[in-house]
Amino acid sequence: MRITEHPILDFQRGEEVTFSFDGQELKGLAGETIAAALHAVGVKVLGHSHKMHRPRGLFCAIGNCSSCLMVVDGEPNVRICVEKLKSGMRVETQRGKGRLK
């Protein structure tokens, strides 16, 4: 299930790293995008639409849409389809438009 090619990013995958997603400890490869790491472990729903609350998944995968906005290390509205994974990251599903803590 690992994404191996991307239209604009060149993955320089490194060693296996640990990160958390909604409080659950997961593993991914350093240098791949957060969305790719989540996809590889079976996470397909990245959020829900604001108005209709319909599930949203990976759509454009190049940082142009807002389907993959999540809170990363406390920062809301991060486009995880282009944000590279690093060890120890705390990734959370964003509800609504996101708020700074």
Protein backbone atom coordinates (compact mmCIF):
# COMPACT_ATOMS: atom_id res chain seq x y z
CA MET A 1 0.00 0.00 0.00
CA ARG A 2 3.04 2.33 0.04
CA ILE A 3 2.99 5.18 -2.49
CA THR A 4 6.16 4.91 -4.56
CA GLU A 5 5.74 7.73 -7.09
CA HIS A 6 4.49 11.31 -6.77
CA PRO A 7 3.92 13.91 -9.53
CA ILE A 8 5.96 16.70 -7.89
CA LEU A 9 7.83 15.26 -4.91
CA ASP A 10 10.91 13.10 -4.95
CA PHE A 11 10.86 10.83 -1.92
CA GLN A 12 14.26 10.32 -0.37
CA ARG A 13 13.03 7.68 2.02
CA GLY A 14 15.08 7.08 5.08
CA GLU A 15 14.88 4.81 8.05
CA GLU A 16 11.70 3.70 9.74
CA VAL A 17 10.44 6.31 12.21
CA THR A 18 7.67 6.43 14.78
CA PHE A 19 4.96 9.11 14.80
CA SER A 20 1.53 9.42 16.34
CA PHE A 21 -1.81 9.78 14.59
CA ASP A 22 -4.79 10.66 16.76
CA GLY A 23 -2.95 9.24 19.76
CA GLN A 24 -2.01 5.95 18.11
CA GLU A 25 1.68 5.19 17.58
CA LEU A 26 2.45 4.33 13.94
CA LYS A 27 5.53 3.74 11.82
CA GLY A 28 6.48 5.32 8.51
CA LEU A 29 9.59 6.13 6.52
CA ALA A 30 11.46 9.37 7.14
CA GLY A 31 11.20 11.62 4.09
CA GLU A 32 7.93 10.31 2.69
CA THR A 33 4.89 12.54 3.07
CA ILE A 34 2.66 12.19 6.11
CA ALA A 35 -0.22 11.28 3.78
CA ALA A 36 1.88 8.51 2.19
CA ALA A 37 2.76 7.11 5.63
CA LEU A 38 -0.90 7.13 6.68
CA HIS A 39 -1.95 5.54 3.37
CA ALA A 40 0.64 2.79 3.85
CA VAL A 41 -0.91 1.78 7.19
CA GLY A 42 -4.46 1.84 5.82
CA VAL A 43 -5.71 5.30 6.84
CA LYS A 44 -7.87 6.53 3.95
CA VAL A 45 -10.13 9.12 5.62
CA LEU A 46 -8.13 12.27 6.36
CA GLY A 47 -10.99 14.47 7.54
CA HIS A 48 -14.59 15.46 6.86
CA SER A 49 -16.13 18.27 4.83
CA HIS A 50 -17.13 21.30 6.90
CA LYS A 51 -20.73 21.56 5.74
CA MET A 52 -21.93 18.03 4.96
CA HIS A 53 -19.41 16.16 7.17
CA ARG A 54 -18.63 13.73 4.37
CA PRO A 55 -15.34 11.80 4.58
CA ARG A 56 -12.40 13.26 2.68
CA GLY A 57 -9.38 11.36 1.46
CA LEU A 58 -6.28 12.10 -0.51
CA PHE A 59 -7.39 14.07 -3.58
CA CYS A 60 -4.81 16.15 -5.46
CA ALA A 61 -1.66 14.98 -3.59
CA ILE A 62 0.21 18.14 -4.71
CA GLY A 63 -0.85 20.70 -2.09
CA ASN A 64 -3.51 22.53 -4.13
CA CYS A 65 -6.72 21.43 -2.43
CA SER A 66 -7.77 21.32 1.22
CA SER A 67 -8.76 17.67 1.51
CA CYS A 68 -5.72 16.69 3.57
CA LEU A 69 -5.53 19.49 6.15
CA MET A 70 -4.49 18.18 9.56
CA VAL A 71 -2.96 19.43 12.78
CA VAL A 72 0.76 18.61 12.91
CA ASP A 73 2.67 19.21 16.13
CA GLY A 74 -0.07 21.60 17.25
CA GLU A 75 -0.14 23.62 14.00
CA PRO A 76 -3.49 23.48 12.15
CA ASN A 77 -4.07 23.54 8.39
CA VAL A 78 -0.97 21.58 7.41
CA ARG A 79 -1.25 19.99 3.95
CA ILE A 80 -0.03 16.52 4.79
CA CYS A 81 0.17 15.47 1.14
CA VAL A 82 3.36 17.55 0.76
CA GLU A 83 4.64 17.70 4.37
CA LYS A 84 7.53 15.28 4.95
CA LEU A 85 7.33 12.81 7.83
CA LYS A 86 9.80 13.18 10.69
CA SER A 87 10.37 11.06 13.75
CA GLY A 88 8.17 11.95 16.71
CA MET A 89 5.60 14.01 14.77
CA ARG A 90 2.18 14.34 16.37
CA VAL A 91 -0.48 14.24 13.65
CA GLU A 92 -4.15 14.79 14.49
CA THR A 93 -7.34 14.83 12.46
CA GLN A 94 -8.46 18.44 12.09
CA ARG A 95 -12.02 19.22 13.00
CA GLY A 96 -13.51 22.32 11.46
CA LYS A 97 -11.21 25.08 10.27
CA GLY A 98 -8.51 24.44 12.84
CA ARG A 99 -7.46 26.51 15.83
CA LEU A 100 -4.07 27.51 17.17
CA LYS A 101 -3.51 26.35 20.72
